[in-house]
Amino acid sequence: MKWLKVFALFAVLHIVGWAAAHVYLNQNPQQVLVVVDTSFAMKPKFSAMQDWIDTHAAAARYQVVTIGTDKAMLGPLADLKSRSVIFRTAFGRIVAENLERYRGFKADEKILLSDGKLQPDGWTVVAF
């Protein structure tokens, strides 16, 4: 009987801990900024980049994913009417100055989807 009481105590503590973590993380989600390189050279990779974004968004529990391109900030991924708006233009090429618009953006993680030639400080680069 003592074993059952100890087991029940640990089960209750585990459930309370999980519930507290769930509530805290729902109220304080991690901010993730994903910037997509929409330069002309990356146009053949747009479908692979779209798949990466879809996969990341599906696994992004307790995260708010904000999307931008090297040309403009688009906003939270959940608020976009269509994800195809991310890839509506393809011109020019990306340079470090394109990422300056995101300097003041408060994000826990900044991810750049590009060809890997640009390696900015403080960014996670996913090369295609």
Protein backbone atom coordinates (compact mmCIF):
# COMPACT_ATOMS: atom_id res chain seq x y z
CA MET A 1 0.00 0.00 0.00
CA LYS A 2 2.88 2.35 0.78
CA TRP A 3 4.25 1.78 -2.73
CA LEU A 4 0.90 2.83 -4.23
CA LYS A 5 0.84 6.07 -2.18
CA VAL A 6 4.38 6.96 -3.27
CA PHE A 7 3.52 6.22 -6.89
CA ALA A 8 0.36 8.35 -6.65
CA LEU A 9 2.34 11.22 -5.11
CA PHE A 10 4.91 11.17 -7.93
CA ALA A 11 2.16 10.91 -10.55
CA VAL A 12 0.35 13.94 -9.09
CA LEU A 13 3.62 15.93 -8.91
CA HIS A 14 4.38 15.04 -12.52
CA ILE A 15 0.92 16.11 -13.73
CA VAL A 16 1.05 19.39 -11.78
CA GLY A 17 4.52 20.14 -13.15
CA TRP A 18 3.42 19.43 -16.72
CA ALA A 19 0.30 21.59 -16.35
CA ALA A 20 2.30 24.49 -14.87
CA ALA A 21 4.86 24.29 -17.69
CA HIS A 22 2.08 24.17 -20.29
CA VAL A 23 0.36 27.25 -18.88
CA TYR A 24 3.63 29.18 -18.56
CA LEU A 25 4.79 28.36 -22.10
CA ASN A 26 1.39 29.24 -23.58
CA GLN A 27 1.53 32.65 -21.89
CA ASN A 28 5.20 33.25 -22.76
CA PRO A 29 5.86 31.75 -26.21
CA GLN A 30 9.30 31.83 -27.77
CA GLN A 31 9.65 34.47 -30.51
CA VAL A 32 11.19 33.09 -33.73
CA LEU A 33 12.02 35.25 -36.74
CA VAL A 34 12.38 33.44 -40.07
CA VAL A 35 13.78 35.53 -42.93
CA VAL A 36 13.57 34.09 -46.43
CA ASP A 37 16.08 34.96 -49.14
CA THR A 38 13.86 35.79 -52.12
CA SER A 39 16.68 36.70 -54.48
CA PHE A 40 16.45 35.57 -58.09
CA ALA A 41 19.13 32.92 -57.58
CA MET A 42 17.02 31.22 -54.90
CA LYS A 43 13.86 30.94 -57.04
CA PRO A 44 14.42 27.23 -57.84
CA LYS A 45 14.61 26.54 -54.08
CA PHE A 46 11.31 28.23 -53.16
CA SER A 47 9.37 24.96 -52.92
CA ALA A 48 12.01 23.42 -50.64
CA MET A 49 11.97 26.56 -48.51
CA GLN A 50 8.16 26.41 -48.34
CA ASP A 51 8.38 22.78 -47.18
CA TRP A 52 10.93 23.77 -44.51
CA ILE A 53 8.65 26.56 -43.25
CA ASP A 54 5.65 24.21 -43.16
CA THR A 55 7.62 21.55 -41.26
CA HIS A 56 9.02 24.09 -38.81
CA ALA A 57 5.60 25.66 -38.20
CA ALA A 58 4.04 22.24 -37.59
CA ALA A 59 6.66 21.50 -34.92
CA ALA A 60 6.66 25.01 -33.43
CA ARG A 61 4.66 24.43 -30.29
CA TYR A 62 4.93 27.29 -27.80
CA GLN A 63 6.45 29.53 -30.49
CA VAL A 64 5.30 32.57 -32.42
CA VAL A 65 6.90 32.38 -35.87
CA THR A 66 7.28 35.73 -37.63
CA ILE A 67 8.13 35.74 -41.33
CA GLY A 68 10.13 38.29 -43.26
CA THR A 69 12.00 38.37 -46.53
CA ASP A 70 15.16 40.12 -47.55
CA LYS A 71 12.84 42.77 -49.03
CA ALA A 72 10.16 43.32 -46.32
CA MET A 73 8.70 42.18 -42.99
CA LEU A 74 5.52 40.14 -43.54
CA GLY A 75 4.39 39.48 -39.96
CA PRO A 76 3.33 36.45 -37.92
CA LEU A 77 3.03 33.28 -39.98
CA ALA A 78 -0.36 32.47 -38.48
CA ASP A 79 -1.73 35.85 -39.67
CA LEU A 80 -0.67 35.47 -43.32
CA LYS A 81 -3.65 34.91 -45.62
CA SER A 82 -1.58 32.57 -47.77
CA ARG A 83 1.94 31.27 -47.36
CA SER A 84 2.53 31.82 -51.06
CA VAL A 85 2.78 35.57 -50.34
CA ILE A 86 6.26 34.88 -48.95
CA PHE A 87 7.54 34.01 -52.42
CA ARG A 88 5.64 36.55 -54.51
CA THR A 89 8.76 38.32 -55.83
CA ALA A 90 12.19 37.14 -56.82
CA PHE A 91 14.72 39.77 -57.85
CA GLY A 92 18.12 41.09 -56.88
CA ARG A 93 20.40 39.33 -54.45
CA ILE A 94 20.68 39.33 -50.69
CA VAL A 95 23.37 41.35 -48.91
CA ALA A 96 24.04 41.94 -45.23
CA GLU A 97 22.36 45.35 -45.37
CA ASN A 98 19.04 43.63 -46.20
CA LEU A 99 19.03 42.13 -42.71
CA GLU A 100 19.56 45.49 -40.96
CA ARG A 101 15.77 46.08 -40.89
CA TYR A 102 15.53 43.18 -38.41
CA ARG A 103 18.20 44.48 -36.01
CA GLY A 104 15.67 45.85 -33.52
CA PHE A 105 13.28 42.90 -33.75
CA LYS A 106 13.10 41.12 -30.40
CA ALA A 107 13.39 37.42 -31.16
CA ASP A 108 14.72 34.50 -29.17
CA GLU A 109 15.94 32.92 -32.40
CA LYS A 110 16.61 34.40 -35.84
CA ILE A 111 16.71 32.00 -38.80
CA LEU A 112 17.85 32.89 -42.32
CA LEU A 113 16.79 30.62 -45.18
CA SER A 114 19.35 31.20 -47.92
CA ASP A 115 22.12 29.59 -49.95
CA GLY A 116 24.62 29.82 -47.09
CA LYS A 117 26.93 32.41 -48.67
CA LEU A 118 25.88 35.02 -46.10
CA GLN A 119 26.67 34.12 -42.46
CA PRO A 120 25.42 37.01 -40.29
CA ASP A 121 26.25 37.08 -36.58
CA GLY A 122 23.42 36.00 -34.29
CA TRP A 123 21.52 34.18 -37.04
CA THR A 124 21.00 30.49 -37.69
CA VAL A 125 21.51 29.94 -41.41
CA VAL A 126 19.63 27.13 -43.13
CA ALA A 127 21.27 26.57 -46.49
CA PHE A 128 19.37 25.32 -49.54
